[in-house]
Amino acid sequence: MAHENEIAITDGLTIPHSELLFRFSPSGGPGGQHANRAHTRATLLFDVAQSPSLDEDTRERLMSALSSRLSKEGVLRVTAQDSRSQRQNRDLALQRLIGILIEALNEPPVRVKTRPPAAAKARRVDEKKRHGRRKRDRGRDWSTDY
């Protein structure tokens, strides 16, 4: 159960707000003078490699699943600049972090090997024979051409 100062990722995983670092910077796009002066872009940093909230198994799964998104130090960076409001961008970055972590922790189902049915194999062979016959019938009979 997540407390007021924690973010619930899954049933067994919560991250305290103290492990999240927010940085704010001017956002691009429309907004005139407001966009030039207000620091509304929210960048959320979460140190996956050093987080005390993660057990070793979870940390390894996140490190491998998010390897392309992590810095060399193992820090995940999530940015939001969709809104002109710093608070909305902060909340959006938080929601994106939760979505990224949930997706990374989902285990894909184990593939069960199956064999093609005999009828499917027979259809494939029949189609190959039909195709070969069609190509063979296109050829000219050179012996009767003189």
C-alpha atoms as a PDB file:
ATOM      1  CA  MET A   1       0.000   0.000   0.000  1.00  0.00           C
ATOM      2  CA  ALA A   2       1.516   3.315  -1.098  1.00  0.00           C
ATOM      3  CA  HIS A   3       1.667   6.116   1.410  1.00  0.00           C
ATOM      4  CA  GLU A   4       1.224   9.794   0.675  1.00  0.00           C
ATOM      5  CA  ASN A   5       4.957  10.237   0.037  1.00  0.00           C
ATOM      6  CA  GLU A   6       5.332   7.096  -2.112  1.00  0.00           C
ATOM      7  CA  ILE A   7       4.437   6.192  -5.660  1.00  0.00           C
ATOM      8  CA  ALA A   8       2.901   2.767  -6.285  1.00  0.00           C
ATOM      9  CA  ILE A   9       4.351   1.052  -9.349  1.00  0.00           C
ATOM     10  CA  THR A  10       3.077  -2.502  -8.837  1.00  0.00           C
ATOM     11  CA  ASP A  11       1.481  -4.298  -5.902  1.00  0.00           C
ATOM     12  CA  GLY A  12       4.874  -5.101  -4.415  1.00  0.00           C
ATOM     13  CA  LEU A  13       6.868  -2.051  -5.522  1.00  0.00           C
ATOM     14  CA  THR A  14       6.627   1.507  -4.255  1.00  0.00           C
ATOM     15  CA  ILE A  15       9.141   4.286  -4.687  1.00  0.00           C
ATOM     16  CA  PRO A  16       9.428   7.108  -2.143  1.00  0.00           C
ATOM     17  CA  HIS A  17       9.345  10.684  -3.486  1.00  0.00           C
ATOM     18  CA  SER A  18      12.752  11.212  -1.886  1.00  0.00           C
ATOM     19  CA  GLU A  19      14.323   8.973  -4.591  1.00  0.00           C
ATOM     20  CA  LEU A  20      12.978  11.130  -7.403  1.00  0.00           C
ATOM     21  CA  LEU A  21      14.746  14.279  -8.517  1.00  0.00           C
ATOM     22  CA  PHE A  22      12.849  16.909 -10.497  1.00  0.00           C
ATOM     23  CA  ARG A  23      14.595  19.562 -12.553  1.00  0.00           C
ATOM     24  CA  PHE A  24      12.777  22.353 -14.330  1.00  0.00           C
ATOM     25  CA  SER A  25      13.903  24.319 -17.379  1.00  0.00           C
ATOM     26  CA  PRO A  26      12.328  26.602 -19.977  1.00  0.00           C
ATOM     27  CA  SER A  27      10.112  24.724 -22.371  1.00  0.00           C
ATOM     28  CA  GLY A  28      10.104  25.200 -26.128  1.00  0.00           C
ATOM     29  CA  GLY A  29       7.130  25.843 -28.333  1.00  0.00           C
ATOM     30  CA  PRO A  30       4.417  28.516 -28.301  1.00  0.00           C
ATOM     31  CA  GLY A  31       3.703  30.720 -25.327  1.00  0.00           C
ATOM     32  CA  GLY A  32       5.508  33.968 -26.090  1.00  0.00           C
ATOM     33  CA  GLN A  33       7.285  35.670 -23.226  1.00  0.00           C
ATOM     34  CA  HIS A  34       5.863  33.125 -20.748  1.00  0.00           C
ATOM     35  CA  ALA A  35       7.611  30.261 -22.565  1.00  0.00           C
ATOM     36  CA  ASN A  36      10.881  32.170 -22.618  1.00  0.00           C
ATOM     37  CA  ARG A  37      10.921  32.943 -18.901  1.00  0.00           C
ATOM     38  CA  ALA A  38       8.949  30.243 -17.075  1.00  0.00           C
ATOM     39  CA  HIS A  39      10.667  26.972 -16.222  1.00  0.00           C
ATOM     40  CA  THR A  40       7.829  24.630 -17.130  1.00  0.00           C
ATOM     41  CA  ARG A  41       9.648  21.642 -18.695  1.00  0.00           C
ATOM     42  CA  ALA A  42       9.865  18.905 -16.059  1.00  0.00           C
ATOM     43  CA  THR A  43      12.731  16.434 -16.137  1.00  0.00           C
ATOM     44  CA  LEU A  44      12.382  13.547 -13.696  1.00  0.00           C
ATOM     45  CA  LEU A  45      15.497  11.584 -12.746  1.00  0.00           C
ATOM     46  CA  PHE A  46      15.318   8.162 -11.085  1.00  0.00           C
ATOM     47  CA  ASP A  47      18.530   6.355 -10.153  1.00  0.00           C
ATOM     48  CA  VAL A  48      17.705   2.729 -10.988  1.00  0.00           C
ATOM     49  CA  ALA A  49      21.240   1.517 -10.228  1.00  0.00           C
ATOM     50  CA  GLN A  50      21.376   2.944  -6.672  1.00  0.00           C
ATOM     51  CA  SER A  51      17.706   2.896  -5.595  1.00  0.00           C
ATOM     52  CA  PRO A  52      17.282   1.303  -2.148  1.00  0.00           C
ATOM     53  CA  SER A  53      13.609   0.566  -2.972  1.00  0.00           C
ATOM     54  CA  LEU A  54      14.512  -2.044  -5.592  1.00  0.00           C
ATOM     55  CA  ASP A  55      15.562  -5.579  -4.737  1.00  0.00           C
ATOM     56  CA  GLU A  56      18.390  -7.075  -6.808  1.00  0.00           C
ATOM     57  CA  ASP A  57      16.104  -9.092  -9.094  1.00  0.00           C
ATOM     58  CA  THR A  58      13.922  -6.070  -9.896  1.00  0.00           C
ATOM     59  CA  ARG A  59      16.979  -3.845 -10.378  1.00  0.00           C
ATOM     60  CA  GLU A  60      18.550  -6.323 -12.852  1.00  0.00           C
ATOM     61  CA  ARG A  61      15.306  -6.635 -14.811  1.00  0.00           C
ATOM     62  CA  LEU A  62      14.941  -2.857 -15.034  1.00  0.00           C
ATOM     63  CA  MET A  63      18.604  -2.348 -15.949  1.00  0.00           C
ATOM     64  CA  SER A  64      18.367  -4.819 -18.836  1.00  0.00           C
ATOM     65  CA  ALA A  65      14.883  -3.792 -20.028  1.00  0.00           C
ATOM     66  CA  LEU A  66      15.688  -0.070 -19.912  1.00  0.00           C
ATOM     67  CA  SER A  67      19.356  -0.284 -20.954  1.00  0.00           C
ATOM     68  CA  SER A  68      18.832   1.987 -23.963  1.00  0.00           C
ATOM     69  CA  ARG A  69      17.093   4.622 -21.820  1.00  0.00           C
ATOM     70  CA  LEU A  70      19.545   4.692 -18.903  1.00  0.00           C
ATOM     71  CA  SER A  71      22.622   6.886 -18.558  1.00  0.00           C
ATOM     72  CA  LYS A  72      26.025   5.287 -17.948  1.00  0.00           C
ATOM     73  CA  GLU A  73      25.416   5.733 -14.214  1.00  0.00           C
ATOM     74  CA  GLY A  74      22.067   3.902 -14.387  1.00  0.00           C
ATOM     75  CA  VAL A  75      19.824   6.971 -14.134  1.00  0.00           C
ATOM     76  CA  LEU A  76      16.483   7.023 -15.957  1.00  0.00           C
ATOM     77  CA  ARG A  77      15.474  10.440 -17.329  1.00  0.00           C
ATOM     78  CA  VAL A  78      11.828  11.230 -18.142  1.00  0.00           C
ATOM     79  CA  THR A  79      10.868  14.608 -19.612  1.00  0.00           C
ATOM     80  CA  ALA A  80       7.496  16.315 -20.039  1.00  0.00           C
ATOM     81  CA  GLN A  81       6.875  19.677 -21.680  1.00  0.00           C
ATOM     82  CA  ASP A  82       3.378  19.187 -23.096  1.00  0.00           C
ATOM     83  CA  SER A  83       1.735  21.815 -20.933  1.00  0.00           C
ATOM     84  CA  ARG A  84       2.488  25.437 -20.049  1.00  0.00           C
ATOM     85  CA  SER A  85       2.004  24.478 -16.416  1.00  0.00           C
ATOM     86  CA  GLN A  86       4.972  23.225 -14.416  1.00  0.00           C
ATOM     87  CA  ARG A  87       2.670  21.243 -12.130  1.00  0.00           C
ATOM     88  CA  GLN A  88       0.945  19.484 -15.039  1.00  0.00           C
ATOM     89  CA  ASN A  89       4.301  18.640 -16.628  1.00  0.00           C
ATOM     90  CA  ARG A  90       5.550  17.332 -13.277  1.00  0.00           C
ATOM     91  CA  ASP A  91       2.501  15.071 -12.938  1.00  0.00           C
ATOM     92  CA  LEU A  92       2.836  13.947 -16.556  1.00  0.00           C
ATOM     93  CA  ALA A  93       6.520  13.041 -16.078  1.00  0.00           C
ATOM     94  CA  LEU A  94       5.543  11.035 -12.989  1.00  0.00           C
ATOM     95  CA  GLN A  95       2.832   9.163 -14.924  1.00  0.00           C
ATOM     96  CA  ARG A  96       5.306   8.435 -17.729  1.00  0.00           C
ATOM     97  CA  LEU A  97       7.821   7.074 -15.214  1.00  0.00           C
ATOM     98  CA  ILE A  98       5.185   4.751 -13.746  1.00  0.00           C
ATOM     99  CA  GLY A  99       4.206   3.541 -17.241  1.00  0.00           C
ATOM    100  CA  ILE A 100       7.833   2.934 -18.246  1.00  0.00           C
ATOM    101  CA  LEU A 101       8.562   0.963 -15.065  1.00  0.00           C
ATOM    102  CA  ILE A 102       5.379  -1.127 -15.319  1.00  0.00           C
ATOM    103  CA  GLU A 103       6.129  -1.978 -18.953  1.00  0.00           C
ATOM    104  CA  ALA A 104       9.736  -2.871 -18.141  1.00  0.00           C
ATOM    105  CA  LEU A 105       8.683  -5.158 -15.282  1.00  0.00           C
ATOM    106  CA  ASN A 106       6.091  -7.060 -17.334  1.00  0.00           C
ATOM    107  CA  GLU A 107       7.407 -10.502 -18.211  1.00  0.00           C
ATOM    108  CA  PRO A 108       6.506 -11.583 -21.737  1.00  0.00           C
ATOM    109  CA  PRO A 109       4.646 -14.893 -21.827  1.00  0.00           C
ATOM    110  CA  VAL A 110       6.785 -17.947 -22.533  1.00  0.00           C
ATOM    111  CA  ARG A 111       6.327 -19.089 -26.112  1.00  0.00           C
ATOM    112  CA  VAL A 112       5.039 -22.623 -26.434  1.00  0.00           C
ATOM    113  CA  LYS A 113       6.564 -24.425 -29.412  1.00  0.00           C
ATOM    114  CA  THR A 114       3.966 -25.801 -31.804  1.00  0.00           C
ATOM    115  CA  ARG A 115       4.173 -27.888 -34.961  1.00  0.00           C
ATOM    116  CA  PRO A 116       2.315 -27.027 -38.152  1.00  0.00           C
ATOM    117  CA  PRO A 117      -0.573 -29.432 -38.798  1.00  0.00           C
ATOM    118  CA  ALA A 118      -0.160 -32.072 -41.501  1.00  0.00           C
ATOM    119  CA  ALA A 119      -2.895 -30.434 -43.583  1.00  0.00           C
ATOM    120  CA  ALA A 120      -0.965 -27.131 -43.598  1.00  0.00           C
ATOM    121  CA  LYS A 121       2.183 -28.937 -44.742  1.00  0.00           C
ATOM    122  CA  ALA A 122       0.219 -30.682 -47.497  1.00  0.00           C
ATOM    123  CA  ARG A 123      -1.290 -27.364 -48.673  1.00  0.00           C
ATOM    124  CA  ARG A 124       2.201 -25.830 -48.794  1.00  0.00           C
ATOM    125  CA  VAL A 125       3.604 -28.736 -50.853  1.00  0.00           C
ATOM    126  CA  ASP A 126       0.589 -28.672 -53.214  1.00  0.00           C
ATOM    127  CA  GLU A 127       1.046 -24.928 -53.770  1.00  0.00           C
ATOM    128  CA  LYS A 128       4.753 -25.434 -54.484  1.00  0.00           C
ATOM    129  CA  LYS A 129       3.936 -28.142 -57.035  1.00  0.00           C
ATOM    130  CA  ARG A 130       1.289 -25.956 -58.701  1.00  0.00           C
ATOM    131  CA  HIS A 131       3.747 -23.048 -58.862  1.00  0.00           C
ATOM    132  CA  GLY A 132       6.472 -25.253 -60.376  1.00  0.00           C
ATOM    133  CA  ARG A 133       4.036 -26.683 -62.945  1.00  0.00           C
ATOM    134  CA  ARG A 134       2.913 -23.172 -63.923  1.00  0.00           C
ATOM    135  CA  LYS A 135       6.527 -22.081 -64.458  1.00  0.00           C
ATOM    136  CA  ARG A 136       7.398 -25.284 -66.368  1.00  0.00           C
ATOM    137  CA  ASP A 137       4.383 -24.840 -68.675  1.00  0.00           C
ATOM    138  CA  ARG A 138       5.527 -21.326 -69.575  1.00  0.00           C
ATOM    139  CA  GLY A 139       8.675 -22.653 -71.262  1.00  0.00           C
ATOM    140  CA  ARG A 140       8.820 -23.121 -75.040  1.00  0.00           C
ATOM    141  CA  ASP A 141       9.305 -26.461 -76.707  1.00  0.00           C
ATOM    142  CA  TRP A 142      12.438 -25.707 -78.775  1.00  0.00           C
ATOM    143  CA  SER A 143      12.433 -29.017 -80.660  1.00  0.00           C
ATOM    144  CA  THR A 144       9.262 -28.204 -82.676  1.00  0.00           C
ATOM    145  CA  ASP A 145      10.340 -24.687 -83.644  1.00  0.00           C
ATOM    146  CA  TYR A 146      12.422 -25.578 -86.787  1.00  0.00           C
END
